[in-house]
Amino acid sequence: MTLPIFPFGLIAKKAGAKRVSADAIEELRDTVEEIGLDIARKAVLISQHSGRRTVQKKDIEFVIKHKMV
Protein backbone atom coordinates (compact mmCIF):
# COMPACT_ATOMS: atom_id res chain seq x y z
CA MET A 1 0.00 0.00 0.00
CA THR A 2 1.36 3.40 -0.92
CA LEU A 3 -0.23 6.65 0.16
CA PRO A 4 -0.58 9.51 -2.35
CA ILE A 5 2.49 11.74 -2.40
CA PHE A 6 0.86 15.17 -2.82
CA PRO A 7 -0.34 15.64 0.79
CA PHE A 8 3.18 15.07 2.10
CA GLY A 9 4.51 17.96 0.06
CA LEU A 10 1.83 20.11 1.67
CA ILE A 11 2.87 18.89 5.12
CA ALA A 12 6.50 19.83 4.45
CA LYS A 13 5.46 23.27 3.22
CA LYS A 14 3.17 23.76 6.20
CA ALA A 15 6.21 23.00 8.37
CA GLY A 16 7.97 25.94 6.75
CA ALA A 17 9.86 24.46 3.80
CA LYS A 18 10.08 26.79 0.81
CA ARG A 19 11.03 23.98 -1.54
CA VAL A 20 11.04 20.22 -1.07
CA SER A 21 12.71 17.64 -3.29
CA ALA A 22 10.70 14.72 -4.62
CA ASP A 23 13.04 12.33 -2.79
CA ALA A 24 12.40 14.10 0.52
CA ILE A 25 8.64 13.95 0.02
CA GLU A 26 8.80 10.24 -0.83
CA GLU A 27 10.94 9.56 2.25
CA LEU A 28 8.47 11.45 4.45
CA ARG A 29 5.57 9.49 2.96
CA ASP A 30 7.31 6.13 3.40
CA THR A 31 8.27 6.91 6.99
CA VAL A 32 4.79 8.10 7.96
CA GLU A 33 3.25 5.02 6.33
CA GLU A 34 5.64 2.70 8.17
CA ILE A 35 4.95 4.35 11.54
CA GLY A 36 1.19 4.34 10.86
CA LEU A 37 1.20 0.63 10.04
CA ASP A 38 3.16 -0.12 13.20
CA ILE A 39 0.68 1.84 15.32
CA ALA A 40 -2.28 0.14 13.61
CA ARG A 41 -0.85 -3.36 14.10
CA LYS A 42 -0.26 -2.76 17.80
CA ALA A 43 -3.73 -1.24 18.19
CA VAL A 44 -5.21 -4.40 16.63
CA LEU A 45 -3.40 -6.52 19.22
CA ILE A 46 -4.70 -4.31 22.03
CA SER A 47 -8.28 -4.53 20.79
CA GLN A 48 -8.00 -8.32 20.49
CA HIS A 49 -6.55 -8.55 23.99
CA SER A 50 -9.54 -6.54 25.21
CA GLY A 51 -11.89 -9.04 23.57
CA ARG A 52 -12.97 -6.67 20.80
CA ARG A 53 -12.87 -7.06 17.04
CA THR A 54 -13.07 -3.31 16.43
CA VAL A 55 -10.04 -1.06 16.82
CA GLN A 56 -11.13 2.04 18.69
CA LYS A 57 -9.64 5.48 19.09
CA LYS A 58 -8.55 4.57 22.61
CA ASP A 59 -6.42 1.71 21.22
CA ILE A 60 -4.53 4.08 18.93
CA GLU A 61 -4.15 6.59 21.77
CA PHE A 62 -2.83 3.85 24.08
CA VAL A 63 -0.13 2.84 21.60
CA ILE A 64 0.97 6.44 21.12
CA LYS A 65 0.78 7.40 24.81
CA HIS A 66 2.84 4.43 25.91
CA LYS A 67 5.38 4.96 23.12
CA MET A 68 4.92 1.46 21.79
CA VAL A 69 5.99 2.61 18.34
C-alpha atoms as a PDB file:
ATOM      1  CA  MET A   1       0.000   0.000   0.000  1.00  0.00           C
ATOM      2  CA  THR A   2       1.362   3.396  -0.917  1.00  0.00           C
ATOM      3  CA  LEU A   3      -0.232   6.645   0.157  1.00  0.00           C
ATOM      4  CA  PRO A   4      -0.581   9.511  -2.349  1.00  0.00           C
ATOM      5  CA  ILE A   5       2.495  11.735  -2.397  1.00  0.00           C
ATOM      6  CA  PHE A   6       0.858  15.168  -2.824  1.00  0.00           C
ATOM      7  CA  PRO A   7      -0.342  15.644   0.790  1.00  0.00           C
ATOM      8  CA  PHE A   8       3.182  15.067   2.101  1.00  0.00           C
ATOM      9  CA  GLY A   9       4.509  17.957   0.058  1.00  0.00           C
ATOM     10  CA  LEU A  10       1.834  20.109   1.675  1.00  0.00           C
ATOM     11  CA  ILE A  11       2.869  18.887   5.118  1.00  0.00           C
ATOM     12  CA  ALA A  12       6.499  19.830   4.447  1.00  0.00           C
ATOM     13  CA  LYS A  13       5.464  23.271   3.215  1.00  0.00           C
ATOM     14  CA  LYS A  14       3.170  23.758   6.204  1.00  0.00           C
ATOM     15  CA  ALA A  15       6.212  22.996   8.374  1.00  0.00           C
ATOM     16  CA  GLY A  16       7.973  25.943   6.749  1.00  0.00           C
ATOM     17  CA  ALA A  17       9.858  24.457   3.797  1.00  0.00           C
ATOM     18  CA  LYS A  18      10.075  26.795   0.807  1.00  0.00           C
ATOM     19  CA  ARG A  19      11.026  23.975  -1.544  1.00  0.00           C
ATOM     20  CA  VAL A  20      11.039  20.216  -1.067  1.00  0.00           C
ATOM     21  CA  SER A  21      12.708  17.637  -3.295  1.00  0.00           C
ATOM     22  CA  ALA A  22      10.700  14.715  -4.618  1.00  0.00           C
ATOM     23  CA  ASP A  23      13.038  12.328  -2.791  1.00  0.00           C
ATOM     24  CA  ALA A  24      12.403  14.102   0.519  1.00  0.00           C
ATOM     25  CA  ILE A  25       8.639  13.947   0.019  1.00  0.00           C
ATOM     26  CA  GLU A  26       8.801  10.240  -0.830  1.00  0.00           C
ATOM     27  CA  GLU A  27      10.935   9.556   2.248  1.00  0.00           C
ATOM     28  CA  LEU A  28       8.472  11.448   4.452  1.00  0.00           C
ATOM     29  CA  ARG A  29       5.572   9.489   2.963  1.00  0.00           C
ATOM     30  CA  ASP A  30       7.314   6.130   3.397  1.00  0.00           C
ATOM     31  CA  THR A  31       8.271   6.906   6.992  1.00  0.00           C
ATOM     32  CA  VAL A  32       4.787   8.101   7.964  1.00  0.00           C
ATOM     33  CA  GLU A  33       3.250   5.024   6.328  1.00  0.00           C
ATOM     34  CA  GLU A  34       5.645   2.704   8.174  1.00  0.00           C
ATOM     35  CA  ILE A  35       4.945   4.348  11.538  1.00  0.00           C
ATOM     36  CA  GLY A  36       1.192   4.343  10.861  1.00  0.00           C
ATOM     37  CA  LEU A  37       1.203   0.633  10.040  1.00  0.00           C
ATOM     38  CA  ASP A  38       3.161  -0.122  13.204  1.00  0.00           C
ATOM     39  CA  ILE A  39       0.676   1.841  15.317  1.00  0.00           C
ATOM     40  CA  ALA A  40      -2.281   0.136  13.614  1.00  0.00           C
ATOM     41  CA  ARG A  41      -0.854  -3.364  14.098  1.00  0.00           C
ATOM     42  CA  LYS A  42      -0.262  -2.760  17.798  1.00  0.00           C
ATOM     43  CA  ALA A  43      -3.731  -1.245  18.195  1.00  0.00           C
ATOM     44  CA  VAL A  44      -5.208  -4.398  16.634  1.00  0.00           C
ATOM     45  CA  LEU A  45      -3.403  -6.520  19.224  1.00  0.00           C
ATOM     46  CA  ILE A  46      -4.698  -4.307  22.032  1.00  0.00           C
ATOM     47  CA  SER A  47      -8.283  -4.529  20.785  1.00  0.00           C
ATOM     48  CA  GLN A  48      -8.004  -8.319  20.485  1.00  0.00           C
ATOM     49  CA  HIS A  49      -6.548  -8.554  23.992  1.00  0.00           C
ATOM     50  CA  SER A  50      -9.542  -6.543  25.211  1.00  0.00           C
ATOM     51  CA  GLY A  51     -11.893  -9.043  23.570  1.00  0.00           C
ATOM     52  CA  ARG A  52     -12.971  -6.673  20.803  1.00  0.00           C
ATOM     53  CA  ARG A  53     -12.874  -7.060  17.040  1.00  0.00           C
ATOM     54  CA  THR A  54     -13.066  -3.315  16.428  1.00  0.00           C
ATOM     55  CA  VAL A  55     -10.041  -1.064  16.821  1.00  0.00           C
ATOM     56  CA  GLN A  56     -11.129   2.041  18.688  1.00  0.00           C
ATOM     57  CA  LYS A  57      -9.637   5.477  19.092  1.00  0.00           C
ATOM     58  CA  LYS A  58      -8.545   4.568  22.612  1.00  0.00           C
ATOM     59  CA  ASP A  59      -6.422   1.710  21.223  1.00  0.00           C
ATOM     60  CA  ILE A  60      -4.529   4.085  18.932  1.00  0.00           C
ATOM     61  CA  GLU A  61      -4.145   6.586  21.770  1.00  0.00           C
ATOM     62  CA  PHE A  62      -2.831   3.855  24.081  1.00  0.00           C
ATOM     63  CA  VAL A  63      -0.132   2.836  21.595  1.00  0.00           C
ATOM     64  CA  ILE A  64       0.974   6.441  21.117  1.00  0.00           C
ATOM     65  CA  LYS A  65       0.777   7.400  24.815  1.00  0.00           C
ATOM     66  CA  HIS A  66       2.838   4.425  25.913  1.00  0.00           C
ATOM     67  CA  LYS A  67       5.378   4.964  23.118  1.00  0.00           C
ATOM     68  CA  MET A  68       4.917   1.458  21.793  1.00  0.00           C
ATOM     69  CA  VAL A  69       5.988   2.609  18.338  1.00  0.00           C
END
